[in-house]
Protein backbone atom coordinates (compact mmCIF):
# COMPACT_ATOMS: atom_id res chain seq x y z
CA MET A 1 -4.94 2.59 28.27
CA ASP A 2 -4.05 0.24 25.39
CA TYR A 3 -5.11 0.78 21.82
CA THR A 4 -5.36 -1.85 19.11
CA ALA A 5 -5.73 -1.11 15.42
CA VAL A 6 -8.59 -3.13 13.95
CA GLY A 7 -10.81 -3.02 10.92
CA ASN A 8 -10.60 -3.44 7.18
CA THR A 9 -7.73 -0.97 6.72
CA THR A 10 -5.58 -2.96 9.14
CA HIS A 11 -6.63 -6.21 7.46
CA ILE A 12 -5.61 -4.96 3.99
CA ALA A 13 -2.28 -3.61 5.32
CA ALA A 14 -1.48 -6.95 6.96
CA ARG A 15 -2.37 -8.89 3.81
CA LEU A 16 -0.26 -6.62 1.59
CA GLN A 17 2.63 -6.95 4.04
CA SER A 18 2.39 -10.73 3.77
CA LEU A 19 2.47 -10.49 -0.05
CA ALA A 20 5.50 -8.17 -0.13
CA GLU A 21 8.94 -9.53 -0.93
CA PRO A 22 11.53 -9.10 1.86
CA GLY A 23 12.49 -5.43 2.10
CA ALA A 24 9.60 -4.28 -0.13
CA ILE A 25 6.80 -1.91 0.85
CA LEU A 26 3.35 -2.43 -0.63
CA MET A 27 0.46 -0.05 -0.14
CA ALA A 28 -3.19 0.15 -1.12
CA GLU A 29 -4.89 2.95 -3.05
CA GLU A 30 -6.00 4.78 0.09
CA THR A 31 -2.45 5.02 1.45
CA HIS A 32 -1.12 5.88 -1.99
CA ARG A 33 -3.34 8.99 -2.08
CA PHE A 34 -1.75 10.26 1.15
CA VAL A 35 1.89 9.69 0.15
CA GLU A 36 1.75 10.51 -3.57
CA GLY A 37 4.35 13.20 -4.19
CA TYR A 38 6.53 11.92 -1.34
CA VAL A 39 7.49 8.48 -2.66
CA LEU A 40 8.30 6.89 -6.00
CA TYR A 41 6.10 3.92 -6.79
CA GLU A 42 4.97 1.45 -9.38
CA SER A 43 1.42 0.28 -9.79
CA LEU A 44 0.77 -3.40 -9.26
CA GLY A 45 -2.75 -3.10 -10.63
CA PRO A 46 -5.54 -5.08 -8.99
CA VAL A 47 -4.25 -7.49 -6.33
CA GLU A 48 -6.33 -10.36 -4.94
CA VAL A 49 -6.41 -9.95 -1.16
CA ARG A 50 -7.87 -12.71 0.97
CA GLY A 51 -10.97 -11.54 2.78
CA GLN A 52 -11.84 -8.88 0.19
CA ARG A 53 -14.67 -9.30 -2.30
CA GLU A 54 -12.95 -7.12 -4.89
CA PRO A 55 -9.25 -6.90 -5.78
CA VAL A 56 -7.32 -4.08 -4.11
CA VAL A 57 -5.27 -1.70 -6.27
CA GLY A 58 -1.73 -2.07 -5.00
CA TYR A 59 1.48 -0.08 -5.31
CA ARG A 60 5.12 -0.92 -4.57
CA VAL A 61 7.24 1.86 -3.11
CA THR A 62 10.45 2.14 -5.15
CA GLY A 63 12.10 5.14 -3.53
CA ARG A 64 11.79 8.58 -2.04
CA GLN A 65 10.47 11.50 -4.09
CA ARG A 66 12.58 14.64 -4.05
CA GLY A 67 9.95 17.28 -4.84
CA GLY A 68 7.12 17.19 -7.33
CA ALA A 69 4.40 14.62 -7.81
CA GLY A 70 4.92 10.85 -7.62
CA SER A 71 6.02 8.87 -10.66
CA ARG A 72 3.64 6.83 -12.73
């Protein structure tokens, strides 16, 4: 059985990946909530993402968190 990821979450991830500079990791607010405390990040603020009516709040991963909550 083959599985294919589809839907808006996949769409946003693909669009953020296309906006990222080589070697960079961008994530949306929903992903950020899951990994906060595990990675260091900087907020990109609202990001225009093709196919979305509203801008998506984006974050750039800047490193690995060694304990504690994520940076702001």
